[in-house]
C-alpha atoms as a PDB file:
ATOM      1  CA  MET A   1     -31.656  91.172 118.537  1.00  0.00           C
ATOM      2  CA  SER A   2     -32.675  87.450 119.602  1.00  0.00           C
ATOM      3  CA  MET A   3     -35.321  86.750 121.624  1.00  0.00           C
ATOM      4  CA  ASP A   4     -35.789  84.097 124.754  1.00  0.00           C
ATOM      5  CA  VAL A   5     -39.087  82.372 124.429  1.00  0.00           C
ATOM      6  CA  GLY A   6     -39.661  81.515 127.826  1.00  0.00           C
ATOM      7  CA  GLY A   7     -36.754  79.060 129.437  1.00  0.00           C
ATOM      8  CA  ALA A   8     -35.661  81.339 132.308  1.00  0.00           C
ATOM      9  CA  LYS A   9     -38.904  82.504 133.765  1.00  0.00           C
ATOM     10  CA  GLY A  10     -40.493  79.088 133.936  1.00  0.00           C
ATOM     11  CA  GLY A  11     -42.213  79.028 130.447  1.00  0.00           C
ATOM     12  CA  ILE A  12     -42.047  76.806 127.429  1.00  0.00           C
ATOM     13  CA  LYS A  13     -39.170  76.783 125.880  1.00  0.00           C
ATOM     14  CA  ALA A  14     -39.041  76.138 122.311  1.00  0.00           C
ATOM     15  CA  ASP A  15     -35.712  74.702 121.210  1.00  0.00           C
ATOM     16  CA  ILE A  16     -35.976  71.337 119.601  1.00  0.00           C
ATOM     17  CA  ASN A  17     -33.409  68.704 121.385  1.00  0.00           C
ATOM     18  CA  VAL A  18     -32.244  66.683 118.326  1.00  0.00           C
ATOM     19  CA  THR A  19     -30.194  64.407 120.362  1.00  0.00           C
ATOM     20  CA  PRO A  20     -33.088  61.678 120.439  1.00  0.00           C
ATOM     21  CA  LEU A  21     -33.315  62.284 116.634  1.00  0.00           C
ATOM     22  CA  VAL A  22     -29.496  61.492 116.133  1.00  0.00           C
ATOM     23  CA  ASP A  23     -29.705  58.170 118.765  1.00  0.00           C
ATOM     24  CA  VAL A  24     -32.507  56.972 116.933  1.00  0.00           C
ATOM     25  CA  MET A  25     -30.626  57.616 113.480  1.00  0.00           C
ATOM     26  CA  LEU A  26     -27.527  56.168 114.709  1.00  0.00           C
ATOM     27  CA  VAL A  27     -29.357  52.548 115.408  1.00  0.00           C
ATOM     28  CA  LEU A  28     -30.899  52.747 111.958  1.00  0.00           C
ATOM     29  CA  LEU A  29     -27.974  53.135 110.625  1.00  0.00           C
ATOM     30  CA  ILE A  30     -26.041  50.003 112.662  1.00  0.00           C
ATOM     31  CA  ILE A  31     -28.841  48.152 111.886  1.00  0.00           C
ATOM     32  CA  MET A  32     -28.529  48.720 108.216  1.00  0.00           C
ATOM     33  CA  MET A  33     -24.725  48.010 108.171  1.00  0.00           C
ATOM     34  CA  LEU A  34     -25.650  44.591 109.746  1.00  0.00           C
ATOM     35  CA  ILE A  35     -27.970  43.710 107.518  1.00  0.00           C
ATOM     36  CA  ALA A  36     -27.091  44.306 104.280  1.00  0.00           C
ATOM     37  CA  PRO A  37     -24.234  42.120 103.693  1.00  0.00           C
ATOM     38  CA  MET A  38     -27.077  39.422 104.804  1.00  0.00           C
ATOM     39  CA  LEU A  39     -29.354  40.395 102.000  1.00  0.00           C
ATOM     40  CA  GLN A  40     -26.392  40.208  99.462  1.00  0.00           C
ATOM     41  CA  GLN A  41     -25.906  36.777 100.846  1.00  0.00           C
ATOM     42  CA  GLY A  42     -27.641  34.412  97.837  1.00  0.00           C
ATOM     43  CA  ILE A  43     -27.376  31.024  97.927  1.00  0.00           C
ATOM     44  CA  SER A  44     -24.773  29.552 100.739  1.00  0.00           C
ATOM     45  CA  LEU A  45     -22.231  27.869  98.423  1.00  0.00           C
ATOM     46  CA  ARG A  46     -18.568  26.621  99.092  1.00  0.00           C
ATOM     47  CA  LEU A  47     -16.431  27.954  96.252  1.00  0.00           C
ATOM     48  CA  PRO A  48     -13.549  25.933  94.909  1.00  0.00           C
ATOM     49  CA  VAL A  49     -10.224  27.136  95.171  1.00  0.00           C
ATOM     50  CA  ALA A  50      -8.044  28.411  92.665  1.00  0.00           C
ATOM     51  CA  ASP A  51      -4.586  29.700  91.741  1.00  0.00           C
ATOM     52  CA  ASN A  52      -5.121  32.573  89.273  1.00  0.00           C
ATOM     53  CA  THR A  53      -8.139  34.589  90.563  1.00  0.00           C
ATOM     54  CA  THR A  54      -9.304  38.019  90.025  1.00  0.00           C
ATOM     55  CA  ASP A  55     -11.596  40.139  92.496  1.00  0.00           C
ATOM     56  CA  LYS A  56     -14.922  38.871  92.208  1.00  0.00           C
ATOM     57  CA  PRO A  57     -17.222  41.027  90.299  1.00  0.00           C
ATOM     58  CA  SER A  58     -20.126  43.478  91.877  1.00  0.00           C
ATOM     59  CA  THR A  59     -22.842  40.518  91.544  1.00  0.00           C
ATOM     60  CA  GLN A  60     -25.464  43.235  91.958  1.00  0.00           C
ATOM     61  CA  ASP A  61     -26.086  43.940  88.060  1.00  0.00           C
ATOM     62  CA  GLN A  62     -24.155  40.705  86.681  1.00  0.00           C
ATOM     63  CA  THR A  63     -26.710  37.553  85.868  1.00  0.00           C
ATOM     64  CA  VAL A  64     -25.319  34.914  88.133  1.00  0.00           C
ATOM     65  CA  ILE A  65     -26.173  30.917  88.134  1.00  0.00           C
ATOM     66  CA  ALA A  66     -25.621  29.201  91.149  1.00  0.00           C
ATOM     67  CA  ILE A  67     -25.285  25.491  91.394  1.00  0.00           C
ATOM     68  CA  ALA A  68     -26.186  23.866  94.933  1.00  0.00           C
ATOM     69  CA  GLN A  69     -24.619  20.675  96.160  1.00  0.00           C
ATOM     70  CA  ASN A  70     -27.792  19.053  95.316  1.00  0.00           C
ATOM     71  CA  LYS A  71     -27.770  20.010  91.763  1.00  0.00           C
ATOM     72  CA  ASP A  72     -30.283  22.458  91.984  1.00  0.00           C
ATOM     73  CA  ILE A  73     -29.835  25.316  89.900  1.00  0.00           C
ATOM     74  CA  TYR A  74     -30.373  29.049  91.167  1.00  0.00           C
ATOM     75  CA  LEU A  75     -30.541  32.483  88.793  1.00  0.00           C
ATOM     76  CA  ASN A  76     -30.115  35.362  90.395  1.00  0.00           C
ATOM     77  CA  ALA A  77     -31.045  33.693  93.518  1.00  0.00           C
ATOM     78  CA  LYS A  78     -34.500  32.110  92.449  1.00  0.00           C
ATOM     79  CA  LEU A  79     -34.654  28.404  91.842  1.00  0.00           C
ATOM     80  CA  VAL A  80     -35.073  27.437  87.959  1.00  0.00           C
ATOM     81  CA  GLY A  81     -36.198  24.104  87.339  1.00  0.00           C
ATOM     82  CA  LYS A  82     -34.261  21.762  85.179  1.00  0.00           C
ATOM     83  CA  GLY A  83     -34.612  22.384  81.494  1.00  0.00           C
ATOM     84  CA  ASP A  84     -35.997  25.819  82.399  1.00  0.00           C
ATOM     85  CA  LEU A  85     -32.443  27.645  82.218  1.00  0.00           C
ATOM     86  CA  GLY A  86     -32.505  28.250  78.622  1.00  0.00           C
ATOM     87  CA  THR A  87     -35.544  29.983  78.432  1.00  0.00           C
ATOM     88  CA  LYS A  88     -35.530  32.466  81.720  1.00  0.00           C
ATOM     89  CA  ILE A  89     -32.126  33.326  80.695  1.00  0.00           C
ATOM     90  CA  THR A  90     -32.938  34.470  77.157  1.00  0.00           C
ATOM     91  CA  GLU A  91     -36.249  36.306  78.609  1.00  0.00           C
ATOM     92  CA  LEU A  92     -33.782  37.703  81.249  1.00  0.00           C
ATOM     93  CA  LEU A  93     -31.063  39.008  79.062  1.00  0.00           C
ATOM     94  CA  GLU A  94     -33.397  39.553  76.008  1.00  0.00           C
ATOM     95  CA  ASP A  95     -33.033  43.895  76.552  1.00  0.00           C
ATOM     96  CA  LYS A  96     -29.365  43.533  77.831  1.00  0.00           C
ATOM     97  CA  THR A  97     -26.445  44.679  75.266  1.00  0.00           C
ATOM     98  CA  ASP A  98     -23.638  42.938  77.484  1.00  0.00           C
ATOM     99  CA  LYS A  99     -25.010  39.223  77.568  1.00  0.00           C
ATOM    100  CA  VAL A 100     -22.058  37.933  80.560  1.00  0.00           C
ATOM    101  CA  VAL A 101     -23.149  35.220  82.740  1.00  0.00           C
ATOM    102  CA  LEU A 102     -21.170  34.281  86.217  1.00  0.00           C
ATOM    103  CA  ILE A 103     -21.322  30.887  87.357  1.00  0.00           C
ATOM    104  CA  LYS A 104     -20.823  29.517  91.362  1.00  0.00           C
ATOM    105  CA  ALA A 105     -20.827  26.089  92.040  1.00  0.00           C
ATOM    106  CA  ASP A 106     -20.319  24.387  95.441  1.00  0.00           C
ATOM    107  CA  THR A 107     -17.309  22.230  95.216  1.00  0.00           C
ATOM    108  CA  GLU A 108     -18.762  19.145  95.935  1.00  0.00           C
ATOM    109  CA  VAL A 109     -21.366  19.572  92.350  1.00  0.00           C
ATOM    110  CA  GLU A 110     -20.330  17.018  89.960  1.00  0.00           C
ATOM    111  CA  TYR A 111     -17.930  18.327  86.914  1.00  0.00           C
ATOM    112  CA  SER A 112     -21.123  17.068  84.763  1.00  0.00           C
ATOM    113  CA  ALA A 113     -23.677  19.714  86.638  1.00  0.00           C
ATOM    114  CA  VAL A 114     -21.821  22.615  85.770  1.00  0.00           C
ATOM    115  CA  MET A 115     -21.066  21.282  81.798  1.00  0.00           C
ATOM    116  CA  ALA A 116     -24.851  20.787  81.219  1.00  0.00           C
ATOM    117  CA  ALA A 117     -25.448  24.389  82.687  1.00  0.00           C
ATOM    118  CA  MET A 118     -23.301  25.661  80.117  1.00  0.00           C
ATOM    119  CA  ASP A 119     -24.414  23.796  77.289  1.00  0.00           C
ATOM    120  CA  GLU A 120     -27.715  24.983  78.199  1.00  0.00           C
ATOM    121  CA  LEU A 121     -26.215  28.448  78.373  1.00  0.00           C
ATOM    122  CA  ARG A 122     -24.723  28.098  75.022  1.00  0.00           C
ATOM    123  CA  GLN A 123     -27.729  26.977  73.415  1.00  0.00           C
ATOM    124  CA  ALA A 124     -29.480  29.863  74.403  1.00  0.00           C
ATOM    125  CA  GLY A 125     -26.948  32.113  72.811  1.00  0.00           C
ATOM    126  CA  ILE A 126     -24.876  33.150  75.687  1.00  0.00           C
ATOM    127  CA  GLU A 127     -21.404  33.148  74.649  1.00  0.00           C
ATOM    128  CA  ASP A 128     -19.488  35.094  77.526  1.00  0.00           C
ATOM    129  CA  ILE A 129     -19.657  32.658  81.151  1.00  0.00           C
ATOM    130  CA  GLY A 130     -17.210  33.356  84.002  1.00  0.00           C
ATOM    131  CA  LEU A 131     -16.729  30.577  87.023  1.00  0.00           C
ATOM    132  CA  ILE A 132     -16.500  32.622  90.349  1.00  0.00           C
ATOM    133  CA  THR A 133     -14.298  30.733  92.601  1.00  0.00           C
ATOM    134  CA  ASP A 134     -12.342  31.516  95.801  1.00  0.00           C
ATOM    135  CA  PRO A 135      -8.699  32.674  96.119  1.00  0.00           C
ATOM    136  CA  LYS A 136      -6.096  30.682  97.148  1.00  0.00           C
ATOM    137  CA  THR A 137      -4.679  31.609 100.518  1.00  0.00           C
ATOM    138  CA  VAL A 138      -0.802  30.945 101.066  1.00  0.00           C
ATOM    139  CA  GLY A 139      -0.362  29.826 104.083  1.00  0.00           C
ATOM    140  CA  LYS A 140       2.831  30.883 106.640  1.00  0.00           C
ATOM    141  CA  ALA A 141       6.415  29.655 105.809  1.00  0.00           C
ATOM    142  CA  ALA A 142       7.755  26.566 107.665  1.00  0.00           C
ATOM    143  CA  GLY A 143       9.647  28.663 110.025  1.00  0.00           C
ATOM    144  CA  GLY A 144       6.789  29.783 111.927  1.00  0.00           C
ATOM    145  CA  ARG A 145       7.516  33.578 111.294  1.00  0.00           C
END
């Protein structure tokens, strides 16, 4: 009960060729897989290394403050002026019930810059503050096994 529309006698063939569609979709998928990690990069920092670390939380819905080597402060990858951190964080977290802020600081940043940022957060009413570090990698044994 099937019907053949053309094809054998040189007429028009009504079948859809999906191979080019699949090729285009695979190329788009590969591009998205390569670009997505680059979009989440944020500010390039060299994080300090710590012994007792846990996995880094997903920072998609978290509030992250990054302190660059030149002491510039970024709130969710946007540059914040000196002294504006408290007001910006209050505006950002006013409708959230979970007021947790994570701090990423470069290894070359002075300790006083991190403490100043923490002081501004505490003055803004933020009590839950976390520090993001890289885990310490364990080297191979001296025997070289």
